[in-house]
Each structure stands twice: as C-alpha cells, then as structure tokens.
Amino acid sequence: QVQLAESGGGLVQDGGSLRLSCAASGRSVSNYALGWFRRAPGKEREFVAVVSWSVQDTDYADSVRGRFTISRDYAGNTMYLQMNILKPEDTAVYYCAKDRAPERLSRYSVNYDAWGQGTQVTVSS
C-alpha cells in the first residue's frame, strides 16, 4: 500500500510563488510516474504535470507550462511542484498521485491508483 502526503500549499498574491511537496511512504514508488492534479471550486479535477519514474521525462498542462516545474528526488519517493507567476485561476486543491502501471507517463487520472489528501493553493488578485 502506498500513502501520499502533500504539503506546501497556502495563500499567495497574484504573481507569487509556492513550492508543493509530495512524500510517498509504504511501498516504493521509484518505478512509477508521479503526477499533480488539481480541482478548482465548481470544476472537475484536471491534470497539471507528471514526472516519469526515470526523472528524465515530464509533461505539463498547457495552462501551467513555462510557469510550473515538476521534479522528484533520485530515490523517487519525494516529488515537488515549483509554481511561479501564480494566477488567481491557479486557485485549487492540488493532489499528488501515483500511476498504477510502471514506466509510463500519463496525464489521465483514471491511470492513477494512489492519491494524497490534497493541499489548498489560493492565489489572491
């Protein structure tokens, strides 16, 4: 069983920065991609970014590309999301998740089988 725990959310002004962390415990996640998703009020959950098991490949939603950077440590058990130039539309609960299949890079939430509790990010205008 894998447990994921996010941290680092908070309140920030338009144009500010935050760094989210996701710590994995239980079984190793080093062979699996880890992703970030978010759910804004009144909207469905959406893909934000994903980093491969090898740390070498990443993918981003168009809305965050160039502003957000996803990374993970080489042990594979901690993932980060550096968020710069934050906008009010980035306000959401951010979730980290683990892909259910090894060595794949996916932006579809149906492909993820372990989720954290979420951390709130609020960007004020």
N, C-alpha and C. Protein backbone atom coordinates (compact mmCIF):
# COMPACT_ATOMS: atom_id res chain seq x y z
N GLN A 1 0.84 -1.18 0.00
CA GLN A 1 0.00 0.00 0.00
C GLN A 1 0.89 1.24 0.00
N VAL A 2 0.55 2.21 -0.83
CA VAL A 2 1.29 3.46 -0.92
C VAL A 2 0.47 4.58 -0.30
N GLN A 3 1.11 5.37 0.52
CA GLN A 3 0.48 6.57 1.06
C GLN A 3 1.21 7.79 0.52
N LEU A 4 0.44 8.78 0.11
CA LEU A 4 0.99 10.03 -0.41
C LEU A 4 0.51 11.18 0.45
N ALA A 5 1.41 12.12 0.72
CA ALA A 5 1.05 13.26 1.56
C ALA A 5 1.61 14.53 0.94
N GLU A 6 0.71 15.47 0.63
CA GLU A 6 1.12 16.76 0.06
C GLU A 6 1.36 17.77 1.18
N SER A 7 2.21 18.74 0.88
CA SER A 7 2.44 19.86 1.78
C SER A 7 2.89 21.06 0.96
N GLY A 8 2.83 22.23 1.58
CA GLY A 8 3.35 23.43 0.93
C GLY A 8 2.32 24.39 0.38
N GLY A 9 1.05 24.03 0.46
CA GLY A 9 0.03 24.94 -0.03
C GLY A 9 -0.11 26.16 0.86
N GLY A 10 -0.89 27.13 0.39
CA GLY A 10 -1.09 28.33 1.18
C GLY A 10 -1.71 29.44 0.36
N LEU A 11 -1.67 30.63 0.92
CA LEU A 11 -2.22 31.83 0.28
C LEU A 11 -1.07 32.66 -0.25
N VAL A 12 -1.19 33.07 -1.51
CA VAL A 12 -0.14 33.85 -2.14
C VAL A 12 -0.79 34.88 -3.06
N GLN A 13 -0.12 35.98 -3.28
CA GLN A 13 -0.65 37.02 -4.16
C GLN A 13 -0.40 36.69 -5.62
N ASP A 14 -1.20 37.28 -6.46
CA ASP A 14 -1.05 37.16 -7.91
C ASP A 14 0.41 37.46 -8.29
N GLY A 15 1.03 36.54 -9.07
CA GLY A 15 2.42 36.71 -9.46
C GLY A 15 3.41 36.07 -8.52
N GLY A 16 2.95 35.55 -7.40
CA GLY A 16 3.83 34.95 -6.41
C GLY A 16 4.21 33.52 -6.74
N SER A 17 4.91 32.89 -5.80
CA SER A 17 5.40 31.53 -5.98
C SER A 17 5.10 30.67 -4.77
N LEU A 18 4.96 29.38 -5.02
CA LEU A 18 4.83 28.38 -3.97
C LEU A 18 5.52 27.11 -4.45
N ARG A 19 5.96 26.31 -3.49
CA ARG A 19 6.54 25.01 -3.80
C ARG A 19 5.78 23.94 -3.05
N LEU A 20 5.18 23.03 -3.79
CA LEU A 20 4.47 21.90 -3.19
C LEU A 20 5.39 20.69 -3.11
N SER A 21 5.19 19.89 -2.09
CA SER A 21 5.92 18.64 -1.94
C SER A 21 4.94 17.49 -1.80
N CYS A 22 5.37 16.32 -2.23
CA CYS A 22 4.58 15.11 -2.08
C CYS A 22 5.52 14.01 -1.60
N ALA A 23 5.25 13.49 -0.41
CA ALA A 23 6.07 12.44 0.17
C ALA A 23 5.34 11.11 0.08
N ALA A 24 6.02 10.11 -0.45
CA ALA A 24 5.45 8.77 -0.56
C ALA A 24 6.00 7.88 0.54
N SER A 25 5.14 7.03 1.10
CA SER A 25 5.56 6.07 2.12
C SER A 25 4.85 4.76 1.86
N GLY A 26 5.30 3.73 2.57
CA GLY A 26 4.76 2.41 2.33
C GLY A 26 5.60 1.72 1.27
N ARG A 27 5.00 1.24 0.23
CA ARG A 27 5.73 0.57 -0.83
C ARG A 27 6.48 1.60 -1.68
N SER A 28 7.56 1.15 -2.31
CA SER A 28 8.37 2.04 -3.15
C SER A 28 7.58 2.49 -4.38
N VAL A 29 7.78 3.75 -4.76
CA VAL A 29 7.15 4.28 -5.97
C VAL A 29 8.19 4.59 -7.03
N SER A 30 9.41 4.13 -6.84
CA SER A 30 10.51 4.54 -7.71
C SER A 30 10.33 4.08 -9.16
N ASN A 31 9.52 3.05 -9.42
CA ASN A 31 9.32 2.58 -10.79
C ASN A 31 8.06 3.16 -11.44
N TYR A 32 7.45 4.13 -10.80
CA TYR A 32 6.17 4.65 -11.27
C TYR A 32 6.25 6.16 -11.47
N ALA A 33 5.52 6.64 -12.46
CA ALA A 33 5.37 8.08 -12.63
C ALA A 33 4.54 8.64 -11.49
N LEU A 34 4.85 9.87 -11.13
CA LEU A 34 4.08 10.61 -10.14
C LEU A 34 3.54 11.87 -10.79
N GLY A 35 2.30 12.20 -10.48
CA GLY A 35 1.67 13.34 -11.11
C GLY A 35 1.02 14.29 -10.13
N TRP A 36 0.77 15.50 -10.61
CA TRP A 36 0.00 16.50 -9.87
C TRP A 36 -1.30 16.77 -10.63
N PHE A 37 -2.37 16.82 -9.91
CA PHE A 37 -3.68 17.18 -10.44
C PHE A 37 -4.25 18.27 -9.53
N ARG A 38 -5.28 18.96 -10.01
CA ARG A 38 -5.91 19.97 -9.17
C ARG A 38 -7.41 20.02 -9.45
N ARG A 39 -8.15 20.48 -8.43
CA ARG A 39 -9.58 20.67 -8.57
C ARG A 39 -9.93 22.04 -8.05
N ALA A 40 -10.41 22.88 -8.95
CA ALA A 40 -10.85 24.23 -8.58
C ALA A 40 -12.31 24.19 -8.17
N PRO A 41 -12.77 25.15 -7.40
CA PRO A 41 -14.17 25.17 -6.98
C PRO A 41 -15.11 25.13 -8.16
N GLY A 42 -16.05 24.19 -8.13
CA GLY A 42 -17.05 24.08 -9.18
C GLY A 42 -16.56 23.46 -10.47
N LYS A 43 -15.33 22.96 -10.48
CA LYS A 43 -14.77 22.37 -11.69
C LYS A 43 -14.32 20.94 -11.45
N GLU A 44 -14.12 20.22 -12.53
CA GLU A 44 -13.64 18.85 -12.43
C GLU A 44 -12.12 18.85 -12.19
N ARG A 45 -11.65 17.73 -11.66
CA ARG A 45 -10.22 17.57 -11.45
C ARG A 45 -9.50 17.60 -12.79
N GLU A 46 -8.35 18.26 -12.84
CA GLU A 46 -7.61 18.36 -14.08
C GLU A 46 -6.14 18.05 -13.86
N PHE A 47 -5.53 17.58 -14.91
CA PHE A 47 -4.10 17.28 -14.93
C PHE A 47 -3.29 18.56 -14.86
N VAL A 48 -2.19 18.51 -14.10
CA VAL A 48 -1.28 19.64 -14.01
C VAL A 48 0.09 19.28 -14.60
N ALA A 49 0.70 18.23 -14.07
CA ALA A 49 2.04 17.85 -14.50
C ALA A 49 2.34 16.43 -14.06
N VAL A 50 3.29 15.79 -14.73
CA VAL A 50 3.70 14.44 -14.38
C VAL A 50 5.21 14.31 -14.61
N VAL A 51 5.87 13.51 -13.77
CA VAL A 51 7.29 13.22 -13.93
C VAL A 51 7.45 11.71 -13.97
N SER A 52 8.29 11.26 -14.88
CA SER A 52 8.45 9.81 -15.10
C SER A 52 9.21 9.16 -13.96
N TRP A 53 9.17 7.82 -13.97
CA TRP A 53 9.90 7.04 -12.98
C TRP A 53 11.40 7.30 -13.08
N SER A 54 11.88 7.59 -14.29
CA SER A 54 13.31 7.81 -14.50
C SER A 54 13.76 9.24 -14.18
N VAL A 55 12.81 10.10 -13.88
CA VAL A 55 13.06 11.51 -13.58
C VAL A 55 13.39 12.31 -14.84
N GLN A 56 13.58 11.64 -15.96
CA GLN A 56 14.06 12.32 -17.16
C GLN A 56 12.96 12.91 -18.02
N ASP A 57 11.74 12.43 -17.88
CA ASP A 57 10.64 12.88 -18.73
C ASP A 57 9.57 13.57 -17.90
N THR A 58 9.03 14.65 -18.46
CA THR A 58 7.96 15.38 -17.81
C THR A 58 6.91 15.78 -18.85
N ASP A 59 5.73 16.12 -18.36
CA ASP A 59 4.66 16.61 -19.22
C ASP A 59 3.87 17.61 -18.40
N TYR A 60 3.36 18.64 -19.07
CA TYR A 60 2.64 19.71 -18.38
C TYR A 60 1.35 20.04 -19.12
N ALA A 61 0.36 20.46 -18.36
CA ALA A 61 -0.82 21.06 -18.96
C ALA A 61 -0.41 22.38 -19.61
N ASP A 62 -1.06 22.73 -20.70
CA ASP A 62 -0.73 23.97 -21.41
C ASP A 62 -0.88 25.19 -20.50
N SER A 63 -1.84 25.12 -19.58
CA SER A 63 -2.13 26.27 -18.72
C SER A 63 -1.01 26.58 -17.73
N VAL A 64 -0.13 25.62 -17.47
CA VAL A 64 0.94 25.84 -16.49
C VAL A 64 2.33 25.75 -17.09
N ARG A 65 2.42 25.31 -18.33
CA ARG A 65 3.73 25.14 -18.97
C ARG A 65 4.47 26.47 -18.98
N GLY A 66 5.74 26.41 -18.58
CA GLY A 66 6.55 27.62 -18.52
C GLY A 66 6.49 28.35 -17.19
N ARG A 67 5.50 28.02 -16.37
CA ARG A 67 5.37 28.64 -15.04
C ARG A 67 5.63 27.63 -13.92
N PHE A 68 5.25 26.38 -14.13
CA PHE A 68 5.40 25.33 -13.13
C PHE A 68 6.53 24.39 -13.55
N THR A 69 7.23 23.85 -12.55
CA THR A 69 8.27 22.86 -12.79
C THR A 69 8.08 21.68 -11.84
N ILE A 70 7.98 20.49 -12.41
CA ILE A 70 7.82 19.28 -11.61
C ILE A 70 9.17 18.59 -11.51
N SER A 71 9.44 17.99 -10.36
CA SER A 71 10.69 17.26 -10.17
C SER A 71 10.48 16.20 -9.09
N ARG A 72 11.45 15.31 -8.99
CA ARG A 72 11.42 14.31 -7.92
C ARG A 72 12.84 13.96 -7.56
N ASP A 73 13.06 13.50 -6.35
CA ASP A 73 14.41 13.14 -5.94
C ASP A 73 14.79 11.82 -6.59
N TYR A 74 16.08 11.49 -6.60
CA TYR A 74 16.56 10.32 -7.31
C TYR A 74 16.16 9.03 -6.63
N ALA A 75 15.84 9.08 -5.35
CA ALA A 75 15.29 7.89 -4.69
C ALA A 75 13.87 7.63 -5.15
N GLY A 76 13.26 8.69 -5.70
CA GLY A 76 11.94 8.53 -6.31
C GLY A 76 10.78 8.69 -5.38
N ASN A 77 11.03 8.94 -4.09
CA ASN A 77 9.93 8.92 -3.14
C ASN A 77 9.40 10.29 -2.76
N THR A 78 10.02 11.34 -3.24
CA THR A 78 9.54 12.69 -2.96
C THR A 78 9.44 13.46 -4.27
N MET A 79 8.33 14.13 -4.44
CA MET A 79 8.08 14.88 -5.67
C MET A 79 7.79 16.33 -5.30
N TYR A 80 8.10 17.23 -6.22
CA TYR A 80 7.91 18.65 -5.97
C TYR A 80 7.19 19.30 -7.15
N LEU A 81 6.54 20.40 -6.86
CA LEU A 81 5.96 21.24 -7.90
C LEU A 81 6.28 22.68 -7.55
N GLN A 82 7.23 23.25 -8.29
CA GLN A 82 7.56 24.66 -8.13
C GLN A 82 6.61 25.47 -8.99
N MET A 83 5.85 26.33 -8.36
CA MET A 83 4.84 27.12 -9.06
C MET A 83 5.22 28.59 -9.01
N ASN A 84 5.51 29.15 -10.17
CA ASN A 84 5.88 30.57 -10.28
C ASN A 84 4.84 31.33 -11.08
N ILE A 85 4.87 32.62 -10.96
CA ILE A 85 3.93 33.51 -11.67
C ILE A 85 2.51 33.00 -11.48
N LEU A 86 2.14 32.75 -10.25
CA LEU A 86 0.82 32.21 -9.96
C LEU A 86 -0.28 33.21 -10.31
N LYS A 87 -1.40 32.67 -10.75
CA LYS A 87 -2.55 33.47 -11.16
C LYS A 87 -3.76 33.06 -10.33
N PRO A 88 -4.74 33.94 -10.20
CA PRO A 88 -5.95 33.56 -9.46
C PRO A 88 -6.60 32.29 -9.98
N GLU A 89 -6.50 32.04 -11.27
CA GLU A 89 -7.09 30.82 -11.84
C GLU A 89 -6.34 29.55 -11.46
N ASP A 90 -5.20 29.69 -10.81
CA ASP A 90 -4.49 28.52 -10.28
C ASP A 90 -5.04 28.09 -8.92
N THR A 91 -5.94 28.86 -8.36
CA THR A 91 -6.54 28.52 -7.07
C THR A 91 -7.27 27.18 -7.18
N ALA A 92 -6.88 26.25 -6.32
CA ALA A 92 -7.45 24.90 -6.36
C ALA A 92 -6.88 24.08 -5.22
N VAL A 93 -7.45 22.91 -5.03
CA VAL A 93 -6.82 21.90 -4.18
C VAL A 93 -5.92 21.06 -5.09
N TYR A 94 -4.67 20.94 -4.71
CA TYR A 94 -3.69 20.21 -5.50
C TYR A 94 -3.45 18.83 -4.89
N TYR A 95 -3.48 17.81 -5.76
CA TYR A 95 -3.32 16.43 -5.33
C TYR A 95 -2.12 15.80 -6.04
N CYS A 96 -1.36 15.01 -5.30
CA CYS A 96 -0.35 14.18 -5.96
C CYS A 96 -0.89 12.76 -6.08
N ALA A 97 -0.38 12.06 -7.08
CA ALA A 97 -0.91 10.73 -7.38
C ALA A 97 0.18 9.87 -8.00
N LYS A 98 -0.01 8.56 -7.87
CA LYS A 98 0.93 7.57 -8.40
C LYS A 98 0.25 6.79 -9.52
N ASP A 99 0.96 6.63 -10.64
CA ASP A 99 0.44 5.82 -11.75
C ASP A 99 0.32 4.36 -11.32
N ARG A 100 -0.70 3.68 -11.81
CA ARG A 100 -0.90 2.28 -11.44
C ARG A 100 0.02 1.35 -12.21
N ALA A 101 0.55 1.79 -13.36
CA ALA A 101 1.42 0.94 -14.18
C ALA A 101 2.84 1.48 -14.15
N PRO A 102 3.83 0.60 -14.12
CA PRO A 102 5.21 1.07 -14.09
C PRO A 102 5.66 1.64 -15.43
N GLU A 103 6.62 2.54 -15.36
CA GLU A 103 7.36 3.03 -16.53
C GLU A 103 6.44 3.59 -17.61
N ARG A 104 5.46 4.39 -17.22
CA ARG A 104 4.54 5.03 -18.14
C ARG A 104 4.40 6.49 -17.74
N LEU A 105 4.10 7.36 -18.70
CA LEU A 105 3.87 8.78 -18.44
C LEU A 105 2.47 9.09 -18.92
N SER A 106 1.57 9.39 -18.01
CA SER A 106 0.17 9.59 -18.38
C SER A 106 -0.38 10.85 -17.73
N ARG A 107 -1.30 11.52 -18.44
CA ARG A 107 -1.97 12.70 -17.89
C ARG A 107 -3.43 12.41 -17.56
N TYR A 108 -3.82 11.13 -17.59
CA TYR A 108 -5.21 10.75 -17.34
C TYR A 108 -5.38 10.21 -15.92
N SER A 109 -6.24 10.85 -15.14
CA SER A 109 -6.40 10.49 -13.74
C SER A 109 -6.85 9.05 -13.55
N VAL A 110 -7.54 8.47 -14.51
CA VAL A 110 -8.00 7.10 -14.40
C VAL A 110 -6.83 6.13 -14.31
N ASN A 111 -5.67 6.55 -14.75
CA ASN A 111 -4.49 5.69 -14.74
C ASN A 111 -3.73 5.75 -13.41
N TYR A 112 -4.23 6.48 -12.44
CA TYR A 112 -3.56 6.64 -11.15
C TYR A 112 -4.33 5.92 -10.06
N ASP A 113 -3.60 5.20 -9.19
CA ASP A 113 -4.29 4.37 -8.21
C ASP A 113 -4.02 4.75 -6.77
N ALA A 114 -3.22 5.76 -6.53
CA ALA A 114 -2.98 6.22 -5.16
C ALA A 114 -2.97 7.74 -5.17
N TRP A 115 -3.66 8.32 -4.20
CA TRP A 115 -3.85 9.77 -4.17
C TRP A 115 -3.59 10.30 -2.76
N GLY A 116 -3.06 11.52 -2.71
CA GLY A 116 -2.94 12.19 -1.42
C GLY A 116 -4.24 12.87 -1.05
N GLN A 117 -4.23 13.50 0.13
CA GLN A 117 -5.43 14.17 0.64
C GLN A 117 -5.63 15.55 0.02
N GLY A 118 -4.59 16.10 -0.55
CA GLY A 118 -4.70 17.40 -1.19
C GLY A 118 -4.20 18.53 -0.32
N THR A 119 -3.74 19.59 -0.97
CA THR A 119 -3.31 20.79 -0.27
C THR A 119 -3.88 22.00 -1.00
N GLN A 120 -4.41 22.94 -0.24
CA GLN A 120 -5.09 24.09 -0.83
C GLN A 120 -4.08 25.15 -1.26
N VAL A 121 -4.25 25.62 -2.49
CA VAL A 121 -3.48 26.76 -3.00
C VAL A 121 -4.48 27.86 -3.36
N THR A 122 -4.28 29.02 -2.78
CA THR A 122 -5.17 30.15 -3.05
C THR A 122 -4.33 31.32 -3.51
N VAL A 123 -4.67 31.84 -4.69
CA VAL A 123 -3.96 32.98 -5.26
C VAL A 123 -4.90 34.17 -5.27
N SER A 124 -4.54 35.20 -4.55
CA SER A 124 -5.40 36.39 -4.45
C SER A 124 -5.01 37.41 -5.52
N SER A 125 -6.01 38.10 -6.02
CA SER A 125 -5.77 39.10 -7.07
C SER A 125 -5.53 40.47 -6.46
